Amino acid sequence: MDETLKNFLLNKGYTKIKLRLTKTNHFEIKASINGKKGLFILDTGASSSCVGFEAIETFKLKAKDSIIKAAGAGATDMDTKISKKNKVKIGKWSNHKVALVLFNLTHINTALTNHNSTPVDGIIGADILKKGKGIIDYQKKYLYLKL
C-alpha cells in the first residue's frame, strides 16, 4: 500500500522529502531560504512559516515591522517582524514569494536543547504546506510537495 501511495504521488508530479523525527516527537526538515540552508521544524499547526530573529542575516531577509503578535509553544504576545518575497526551497520544490514571520525562537530552541535535540532556524508551517499541496506520510516519514 505504501509503495502505491509513493508511486501515485510521484506520478502526479509530487517530490518526496525525508523527515526526521526528533526526540521531542517533532519532524525536522531541511530547507533553504534565499539560497542558504537551514534546519526547521515541520509544524502543521503553525499558520505561518517562521524564522528566528538571529537568522535574519543568515537568510538575507528584509525585515519590516509587523503589528502581528505571535503565540505558540507556551509563549504569547511576542513581537514579530515580517519578511516578504523570499525564495524557499524544500527538496526539489520551490516558491519565490514566501512571506516569513520573524520572531524570537529562543524559547523553542531552549526546549529542544533541554531534550537533547538540535536547535532549529525556524518553522515550516501550514502556509508552505498549502502552497505545495503538502501530503505527509507519517509512517514512512516523508513529506510530498507538488512541483
N, C-alpha and C. Protein backbone atom coordinates (compact mmCIF):
# COMPACT_ATOMS: atom_id res chain seq x y z
N MET A 1 0.84 -1.21 0.00
CA MET A 1 0.00 0.00 0.00
C MET A 1 0.87 1.27 0.00
N ASP A 2 1.92 1.27 0.85
CA ASP A 2 2.76 2.46 0.96
C ASP A 2 3.48 2.78 -0.35
N GLU A 3 3.99 1.76 -1.02
CA GLU A 3 4.65 1.97 -2.30
C GLU A 3 3.66 2.53 -3.31
N THR A 4 2.40 2.09 -3.20
CA THR A 4 1.37 2.58 -4.11
C THR A 4 1.17 4.08 -3.91
N LEU A 5 1.13 4.52 -2.65
CA LEU A 5 0.96 5.94 -2.36
C LEU A 5 2.14 6.73 -2.93
N LYS A 6 3.36 6.26 -2.66
CA LYS A 6 4.55 6.94 -3.17
C LYS A 6 4.51 7.04 -4.69
N ASN A 7 4.27 5.91 -5.35
CA ASN A 7 4.25 5.90 -6.82
C ASN A 7 3.13 6.78 -7.37
N PHE A 8 1.97 6.73 -6.72
CA PHE A 8 0.83 7.55 -7.14
C PHE A 8 1.21 9.04 -7.09
N LEU A 9 1.78 9.47 -5.96
CA LEU A 9 2.13 10.88 -5.78
C LEU A 9 3.26 11.30 -6.72
N LEU A 10 4.27 10.47 -6.87
CA LEU A 10 5.37 10.81 -7.78
C LEU A 10 4.86 10.93 -9.21
N ASN A 11 3.93 10.05 -9.59
CA ASN A 11 3.33 10.11 -10.94
C ASN A 11 2.46 11.34 -11.12
N LYS A 12 1.96 11.91 -10.02
CA LYS A 12 1.12 13.12 -10.07
C LYS A 12 1.96 14.40 -9.99
N GLY A 13 3.28 14.27 -10.03
CA GLY A 13 4.14 15.45 -10.05
C GLY A 13 4.58 15.94 -8.69
N TYR A 14 4.51 15.08 -7.69
CA TYR A 14 4.99 15.43 -6.35
C TYR A 14 6.46 15.06 -6.22
N THR A 15 7.14 15.72 -5.30
CA THR A 15 8.51 15.35 -4.95
C THR A 15 8.50 14.88 -3.50
N LYS A 16 9.42 14.01 -3.16
CA LYS A 16 9.46 13.36 -1.85
C LYS A 16 10.61 13.95 -1.04
N ILE A 17 10.33 14.36 0.21
CA ILE A 17 11.33 14.95 1.09
C ILE A 17 11.36 14.16 2.39
N LYS A 18 12.55 13.72 2.79
CA LYS A 18 12.70 12.94 4.02
C LYS A 18 12.51 13.81 5.25
N LEU A 19 11.77 13.29 6.22
CA LEU A 19 11.57 13.95 7.50
C LEU A 19 12.32 13.15 8.56
N ARG A 20 12.78 13.84 9.59
CA ARG A 20 13.45 13.16 10.69
C ARG A 20 12.68 13.44 11.97
N LEU A 21 12.32 12.38 12.68
CA LEU A 21 11.59 12.53 13.93
C LEU A 21 12.59 12.80 15.05
N THR A 22 12.37 13.89 15.79
CA THR A 22 13.29 14.26 16.87
C THR A 22 12.89 13.56 18.17
N LYS A 23 13.73 13.72 19.17
CA LYS A 23 13.43 13.15 20.49
C LYS A 23 12.20 13.82 21.12
N THR A 24 11.87 15.02 20.64
CA THR A 24 10.70 15.72 21.15
C THR A 24 9.44 15.40 20.33
N ASN A 25 9.56 14.41 19.42
CA ASN A 25 8.43 13.98 18.58
C ASN A 25 7.99 15.03 17.57
N HIS A 26 8.92 15.85 17.14
CA HIS A 26 8.67 16.80 16.05
C HIS A 26 9.35 16.29 14.80
N PHE A 27 8.82 16.66 13.65
CA PHE A 27 9.51 16.35 12.41
C PHE A 27 10.45 17.50 12.07
N GLU A 28 11.71 17.16 11.81
CA GLU A 28 12.69 18.13 11.33
C GLU A 28 12.77 18.02 9.83
N ILE A 29 12.98 19.15 9.18
CA ILE A 29 13.09 19.17 7.73
C ILE A 29 14.17 20.16 7.33
N LYS A 30 14.93 19.80 6.30
CA LYS A 30 15.95 20.71 5.78
C LYS A 30 15.32 21.53 4.66
N ALA A 31 15.63 22.80 4.65
CA ALA A 31 15.11 23.70 3.61
C ALA A 31 16.13 24.81 3.40
N SER A 32 16.03 25.50 2.27
CA SER A 32 16.87 26.67 2.09
C SER A 32 16.00 27.89 1.85
N ILE A 33 16.46 28.99 2.39
CA ILE A 33 15.78 30.28 2.22
C ILE A 33 16.78 31.21 1.56
N ASN A 34 16.38 31.76 0.43
CA ASN A 34 17.25 32.68 -0.33
C ASN A 34 18.65 32.09 -0.55
N GLY A 35 18.70 30.79 -0.81
CA GLY A 35 19.94 30.12 -1.15
C GLY A 35 20.77 29.61 0.03
N LYS A 36 20.32 29.86 1.26
CA LYS A 36 21.06 29.41 2.44
C LYS A 36 20.30 28.27 3.12
N LYS A 37 21.02 27.18 3.41
CA LYS A 37 20.39 26.01 4.02
C LYS A 37 20.15 26.20 5.50
N GLY A 38 19.07 25.58 5.98
CA GLY A 38 18.75 25.64 7.39
C GLY A 38 17.98 24.42 7.83
N LEU A 39 17.77 24.32 9.13
CA LEU A 39 17.04 23.22 9.74
C LEU A 39 15.77 23.78 10.36
N PHE A 40 14.65 23.12 10.09
CA PHE A 40 13.35 23.63 10.51
C PHE A 40 12.50 22.53 11.13
N ILE A 41 11.54 22.94 11.93
CA ILE A 41 10.52 22.03 12.42
C ILE A 41 9.34 22.14 11.47
N LEU A 42 8.79 21.01 11.08
CA LEU A 42 7.57 21.00 10.26
C LEU A 42 6.40 21.04 11.23
N ASP A 43 5.60 22.10 11.17
CA ASP A 43 4.52 22.30 12.14
C ASP A 43 3.22 22.59 11.41
N THR A 44 2.37 21.57 11.30
CA THR A 44 1.09 21.73 10.59
C THR A 44 0.16 22.68 11.33
N GLY A 45 0.40 22.90 12.62
CA GLY A 45 -0.45 23.79 13.41
C GLY A 45 -0.02 25.24 13.37
N ALA A 46 1.13 25.51 12.78
CA ALA A 46 1.60 26.90 12.66
C ALA A 46 1.02 27.49 11.38
N SER A 47 0.26 28.55 11.50
CA SER A 47 -0.38 29.13 10.32
C SER A 47 0.64 29.74 9.36
N SER A 48 1.72 30.28 9.90
CA SER A 48 2.75 30.92 9.08
C SER A 48 4.11 30.26 9.31
N SER A 49 4.91 30.24 8.27
CA SER A 49 6.28 29.78 8.43
C SER A 49 7.08 30.91 9.09
N CYS A 50 8.00 30.53 9.96
CA CYS A 50 8.70 31.50 10.80
C CYS A 50 10.20 31.25 10.78
N VAL A 51 10.93 32.31 11.04
CA VAL A 51 12.37 32.25 11.19
C VAL A 51 12.73 33.08 12.42
N GLY A 52 13.76 32.64 13.13
CA GLY A 52 14.20 33.37 14.32
C GLY A 52 14.90 34.66 13.96
N PHE A 53 14.79 35.66 14.83
CA PHE A 53 15.45 36.95 14.62
C PHE A 53 16.94 36.79 14.32
N GLU A 54 17.59 35.83 15.02
CA GLU A 54 19.03 35.66 14.88
C GLU A 54 19.44 35.16 13.49
N ALA A 55 18.47 34.69 12.68
CA ALA A 55 18.78 34.17 11.34
C ALA A 55 18.49 35.18 10.23
N ILE A 56 18.15 36.41 10.57
CA ILE A 56 17.81 37.43 9.57
C ILE A 56 18.96 37.62 8.58
N GLU A 57 20.17 37.78 9.09
CA GLU A 57 21.32 37.98 8.19
C GLU A 57 21.67 36.71 7.43
N THR A 58 21.63 35.57 8.13
CA THR A 58 21.96 34.28 7.51
C THR A 58 21.16 34.06 6.23
N PHE A 59 19.86 34.30 6.32
CA PHE A 59 18.96 34.04 5.19
C PHE A 59 18.70 35.27 4.31
N LYS A 60 19.45 36.35 4.55
CA LYS A 60 19.33 37.58 3.77
C LYS A 60 17.88 38.08 3.73
N LEU A 61 17.27 38.18 4.89
CA LEU A 61 15.87 38.60 4.98
C LEU A 61 15.77 40.11 5.11
N LYS A 62 14.78 40.68 4.41
CA LYS A 62 14.49 42.10 4.54
C LYS A 62 13.34 42.21 5.54
N ALA A 63 13.69 42.55 6.77
CA ALA A 63 12.70 42.56 7.86
C ALA A 63 11.99 43.90 7.95
N LYS A 64 10.67 43.82 8.05
CA LYS A 64 9.85 45.02 8.27
C LYS A 64 9.05 44.81 9.54
N ASP A 65 8.76 45.92 10.23
CA ASP A 65 7.95 45.81 11.44
C ASP A 65 6.57 45.25 11.12
N SER A 66 6.04 44.51 12.06
CA SER A 66 4.74 43.89 11.89
C SER A 66 3.89 44.19 13.11
N ILE A 67 2.59 44.34 12.89
CA ILE A 67 1.68 44.57 14.03
C ILE A 67 1.20 43.24 14.61
N ILE A 68 1.52 42.15 13.92
CA ILE A 68 1.09 40.83 14.37
C ILE A 68 1.87 40.44 15.62
N LYS A 69 1.16 39.86 16.57
CA LYS A 69 1.79 39.30 17.76
C LYS A 69 1.77 37.79 17.59
N ALA A 70 2.89 37.14 17.87
CA ALA A 70 2.98 35.69 17.71
C ALA A 70 2.67 35.00 19.03
N ALA A 71 2.11 33.80 18.92
CA ALA A 71 1.87 32.96 20.08
C ALA A 71 2.16 31.53 19.68
N GLY A 72 2.73 30.80 20.59
CA GLY A 72 2.99 29.39 20.31
C GLY A 72 3.99 28.80 21.25
N ALA A 73 3.93 27.48 21.41
CA ALA A 73 4.87 26.73 22.25
C ALA A 73 5.00 27.35 23.63
N GLY A 74 3.87 27.74 24.22
CA GLY A 74 3.88 28.24 25.59
C GLY A 74 4.19 29.72 25.74
N ALA A 75 4.51 30.39 24.65
CA ALA A 75 4.80 31.82 24.71
C ALA A 75 3.69 32.59 23.99
N THR A 76 3.34 33.73 24.51
CA THR A 76 2.29 34.53 23.87
C THR A 76 2.73 35.98 23.74
N ASP A 77 2.02 36.71 22.87
CA ASP A 77 2.22 38.15 22.75
C ASP A 77 3.66 38.54 22.41
N MET A 78 4.28 37.77 21.51
CA MET A 78 5.66 38.05 21.13
C MET A 78 5.70 39.02 19.96
N ASP A 79 6.63 39.96 20.01
CA ASP A 79 6.82 40.90 18.90
C ASP A 79 7.34 40.14 17.68
N THR A 80 6.87 40.58 16.52
CA THR A 80 7.31 39.94 15.28
C THR A 80 7.71 40.99 14.25
N LYS A 81 8.42 40.53 13.25
CA LYS A 81 8.67 41.31 12.04
C LYS A 81 8.22 40.43 10.89
N ILE A 82 8.16 40.97 9.70
CA ILE A 82 7.77 40.18 8.54
C ILE A 82 8.78 40.40 7.42
N SER A 83 9.02 39.37 6.65
CA SER A 83 9.90 39.46 5.50
C SER A 83 9.17 38.82 4.32
N LYS A 84 8.92 39.63 3.29
CA LYS A 84 8.14 39.15 2.15
C LYS A 84 9.03 38.76 0.98
N LYS A 85 8.44 38.02 0.05
CA LYS A 85 9.07 37.64 -1.23
C LYS A 85 10.40 36.92 -1.05
N ASN A 86 10.41 35.88 -0.23
CA ASN A 86 11.60 35.06 -0.04
C ASN A 86 11.50 33.79 -0.88
N LYS A 87 12.66 33.31 -1.33
CA LYS A 87 12.68 32.06 -2.08
C LYS A 87 12.91 30.92 -1.09
N VAL A 88 11.94 30.03 -1.01
CA VAL A 88 12.05 28.86 -0.14
C VAL A 88 12.15 27.63 -1.02
N LYS A 89 13.13 26.78 -0.72
CA LYS A 89 13.34 25.55 -1.47
C LYS A 89 13.38 24.39 -0.49
N ILE A 90 12.54 23.39 -0.74
CA ILE A 90 12.49 22.18 0.08
C ILE A 90 12.57 21.01 -0.89
N GLY A 91 13.69 20.30 -0.85
CA GLY A 91 13.90 19.25 -1.85
C GLY A 91 13.94 19.90 -3.22
N LYS A 92 13.15 19.37 -4.14
CA LYS A 92 13.09 19.93 -5.50
C LYS A 92 12.01 21.01 -5.62
N TRP A 93 11.18 21.16 -4.59
CA TRP A 93 10.08 22.14 -4.62
C TRP A 93 10.62 23.51 -4.24
N SER A 94 10.12 24.55 -4.92
CA SER A 94 10.50 25.91 -4.51
C SER A 94 9.38 26.89 -4.82
N ASN A 95 9.39 27.99 -4.09
CA ASN A 95 8.44 29.07 -4.29
C ASN A 95 9.20 30.37 -4.02
N HIS A 96 9.00 31.36 -4.90
CA HIS A 96 9.78 32.61 -4.81
C HIS A 96 9.04 33.74 -4.09
N LYS A 97 7.85 33.47 -3.60
CA LYS A 97 7.06 34.56 -3.00
C LYS A 97 6.55 34.19 -1.60
N VAL A 98 7.44 33.71 -0.77
CA VAL A 98 7.02 33.29 0.57
C VAL A 98 7.25 34.41 1.58
N ALA A 99 6.20 34.73 2.32
CA ALA A 99 6.32 35.68 3.43
C ALA A 99 6.67 34.90 4.68
N LEU A 100 7.64 35.38 5.42
CA LEU A 100 8.07 34.71 6.65
C LEU A 100 7.86 35.63 7.84
N VAL A 101 7.35 35.07 8.92
CA VAL A 101 7.21 35.81 10.17
C VAL A 101 8.51 35.62 10.93
N LEU A 102 9.06 36.72 11.43
CA LEU A 102 10.31 36.67 12.19
C LEU A 102 10.00 36.94 13.66
N PHE A 103 10.49 36.05 14.52
CA PHE A 103 10.28 36.28 15.96
C PHE A 103 11.36 35.58 16.76
N ASN A 104 11.34 35.78 18.06
CA ASN A 104 12.35 35.23 18.95
C ASN A 104 12.08 33.73 19.16
N LEU A 105 12.99 32.91 18.64
CA LEU A 105 12.85 31.45 18.72
C LEU A 105 13.52 30.86 19.95
N THR A 106 14.05 31.69 20.83
CA THR A 106 14.83 31.20 21.96
C THR A 106 14.07 30.17 22.79
N HIS A 107 12.80 30.43 23.09
CA HIS A 107 12.04 29.51 23.94
C HIS A 107 11.88 28.14 23.29
N ILE A 108 11.74 28.11 21.97
CA ILE A 108 11.62 26.84 21.25
C ILE A 108 12.96 26.10 21.26
N ASN A 109 14.03 26.82 20.96
CA ASN A 109 15.34 26.18 20.92
C ASN A 109 15.83 25.75 22.31
N THR A 110 15.43 26.48 23.34
CA THR A 110 15.77 26.07 24.70
C THR A 110 15.08 24.74 25.02
N ALA A 111 13.81 24.64 24.65
CA ALA A 111 13.07 23.39 24.89
C ALA A 111 13.70 22.23 24.12
N LEU A 112 14.09 22.47 22.87
CA LEU A 112 14.71 21.42 22.06
C LEU A 112 16.05 20.99 22.67
N THR A 113 16.86 21.97 23.06
CA THR A 113 18.17 21.69 23.64
C THR A 113 18.03 20.91 24.95
N ASN A 114 17.03 21.26 25.75
CA ASN A 114 16.78 20.56 27.01
C ASN A 114 16.43 19.09 26.80
N HIS A 115 15.94 18.76 25.62
CA HIS A 115 15.60 17.37 25.28
C HIS A 115 16.64 16.76 24.35
N ASN A 116 17.85 17.32 24.37
CA ASN A 116 18.96 16.83 23.55
C ASN A 116 18.66 16.82 22.05
N SER A 117 17.83 17.76 21.60
CA SER A 117 17.57 17.91 20.17
C SER A 117 18.34 19.12 19.64
N THR A 118 18.56 19.13 18.35
CA THR A 118 19.31 20.21 17.71
C THR A 118 18.45 21.47 17.61
N PRO A 119 19.01 22.64 17.91
CA PRO A 119 18.26 23.89 17.70
C PRO A 119 17.93 24.06 16.21
N VAL A 120 16.85 24.78 15.94
CA VAL A 120 16.40 24.98 14.55
C VAL A 120 16.45 26.45 14.17
N ASP A 121 16.41 26.70 12.86
CA ASP A 121 16.42 28.07 12.35
C ASP A 121 15.01 28.64 12.26
N GLY A 122 14.01 27.76 12.29
CA GLY A 122 12.64 28.24 12.15
C GLY A 122 11.65 27.11 12.03
N ILE A 123 10.47 27.48 11.54
CA ILE A 123 9.33 26.57 11.44
C ILE A 123 8.77 26.64 10.03
N ILE A 124 8.56 25.49 9.42
CA ILE A 124 7.82 25.41 8.16
C ILE A 124 6.38 25.13 8.55
N GLY A 125 5.49 26.06 8.21
CA GLY A 125 4.11 25.98 8.66
C GLY A 125 3.12 25.65 7.55
N ALA A 126 1.85 25.79 7.91
CA ALA A 126 0.74 25.43 7.01
C ALA A 126 0.72 26.26 5.73
N ASP A 127 1.24 27.49 5.77
CA ASP A 127 1.24 28.32 4.56
C ASP A 127 2.04 27.66 3.43
N ILE A 128 3.20 27.14 3.75
CA ILE A 128 4.01 26.46 2.74
C ILE A 128 3.40 25.12 2.36
N LEU A 129 2.86 24.42 3.35
CA LEU A 129 2.20 23.14 3.05
C LEU A 129 1.03 23.34 2.10
N LYS A 130 0.29 24.44 2.27
CA LYS A 130 -0.82 24.74 1.35
C LYS A 130 -0.31 25.07 -0.04
N LYS A 131 0.71 25.93 -0.11
CA LYS A 131 1.28 26.32 -1.42
C LYS A 131 1.78 25.10 -2.17
N GLY A 132 2.35 24.15 -1.46
CA GLY A 132 2.93 22.96 -2.08
C GLY A 132 1.99 21.77 -2.13
N LYS A 133 0.71 22.00 -1.76
CA LYS A 133 -0.27 20.90 -1.72
C LYS A 133 0.32 19.71 -0.95
N GLY A 134 0.86 20.01 0.23
CA GLY A 134 1.60 19.04 1.03
C GLY A 134 0.80 17.84 1.50
N ILE A 135 1.46 16.69 1.45
CA ILE A 135 0.92 15.44 1.98
C ILE A 135 2.02 14.83 2.83
N ILE A 136 1.68 14.47 4.07
CA ILE A 136 2.66 13.89 4.99
C ILE A 136 2.36 12.40 5.16
N ASP A 137 3.38 11.59 4.94
CA ASP A 137 3.30 10.16 5.22
C ASP A 137 3.99 9.95 6.57
N TYR A 138 3.19 9.92 7.63
CA TYR A 138 3.74 9.82 8.98
C TYR A 138 4.46 8.50 9.21
N GLN A 139 3.92 7.42 8.64
CA GLN A 139 4.51 6.09 8.82
C GLN A 139 5.91 6.01 8.23
N LYS A 140 6.08 6.47 7.00
CA LYS A 140 7.37 6.38 6.30
C LYS A 140 8.24 7.60 6.53
N LYS A 141 7.69 8.64 7.18
CA LYS A 141 8.41 9.89 7.48
C LYS A 141 8.85 10.63 6.22
N TYR A 142 7.89 10.89 5.33
CA TYR A 142 8.14 11.68 4.14
C TYR A 142 7.10 12.78 4.00
N LEU A 143 7.55 13.92 3.48
CA LEU A 143 6.65 14.99 3.07
C LEU A 143 6.67 14.99 1.55
N TYR A 144 5.49 15.08 0.95
CA TYR A 144 5.36 15.20 -0.50
C TYR A 144 4.86 16.60 -0.82
N LEU A 145 5.53 17.28 -1.75
CA LEU A 145 5.10 18.60 -2.22
C LEU A 145 4.95 18.55 -3.74
N LYS A 146 3.93 19.23 -4.25
CA LYS A 146 3.63 19.24 -5.68
C LYS A 146 4.54 20.21 -6.40
N LEU A 147 5.24 19.70 -7.42
CA LEU A 147 6.15 20.55 -8.21
C LEU A 147 5.36 21.43 -9.16
